[in-house]
Amino acid sequence: MKKIGVLTSGGDSPGMNAAIRAAVRGAIYLGMEVYGIEKGYEGLIDGDIKQMNISSVSDILHKGGTILRTARSERFMTSDGQKRAKQMLESFGIEGLVIIGGDGSLKGGLDLSKHGVTVMGLPGTIDNDLGYTDYTIGFDTSVNTVLSAISNIRDTSSSHERTTVIEVMGRHCGDIALYAGLTGGAETILIPEVGVDINAICKKMVQGRNRGKLHNIIIKAEGINMSTQELAETLKERTGMETKIVVLGYIQRGGSPTARDRMLASRMAYKAVELLQEGSESRAVGINGSEIVHYELSDALQMKRDYDKKVMELADILSI
């Protein structure tokens, strides 16, 4: 394989630039030309494509977001859009594609592979919701961002002797809430995989107050089937304790990636270009333990993810 492309799609995540850098420099090292495709599948359809060199990815390793920018494309969801995307790749002589994004982006890559394009999918999403990999690019940075926010919020919660419900991202996966809640010392962690036990939360809040505790930090994943406002109002009504809401929102998707995310992105991206150079069929690249692994793309997207029950048990034990 002589020419490859790289694009980022869907929501941005810290570490995408590290992956772009490794894909570009790794491919050049292996003797391939690399083309950057801007604005994801939308840019691919429109031919927003440019050749990249070593200097194209200088000084981006530490930056959040993505230098290639990203967008969601309704046109690409159609068969005609996918055919136009393939034709554009053929026009530029691009034989393989590195796609960095979440499950929707990788499903788009699977659609392209069915049209004969060789695709290497990298898990670029803070949600950590892809079943074939232990961790996704951006997850560690997001957890640390939430962790920093918890520390700041705890200071003011203690000063005012109040309960604070902190809503974090993650869609239908509770990993951000679980990992940040455990390491941030939250009194209660609510994730979609377990749900909400109002009685248990109220009991813990009242018991804490009775022993002189000045605050309660409740971490709530956005995928919980109960609004944050409704939860806060219910807790205040049942315990009589002042309850505030903090929705962290997109702050969790930005910022300089941690060393762990930079390493993960670099290792995954280089493996992706190695596989393309070797003539591999379409694959999804991930990590299992300390090893970079890869699976047939369609198989990877069918793998289910469950939350780590041992981490949740530990969080419950330590929050008594």
Foldseek 3Di string as FASTA:
>chain_A
DAEAEEEEEDFWFALQLLLVLLLQVLLVVVRHWYKYQAAALVSLLVLNIDTDHNVNSPPPLFFGGYPSYYHDDPLLVDPVSLVSSVVSCVVVPHQEYEYEEDLVRLVSVVVNVVVPHFYEYADGDLQQFFQLANGHQRVVLLLVLLLVVLVVVVVVQLVQLAEEEEEDERAQHQPSQLSSCLVNLALEGAHNQVADDLVVVLVSVVVCVVVPNRYGYYYYYPNHPADPVRSQVVSCVVNVGHYYYHYPPPVSRGGTGDPVSSVQSSVQSSVRSVCVSVVHGHWYWYDDDHDIDIDHSVVSSPRGDDDDVVSVVSSNVSSD
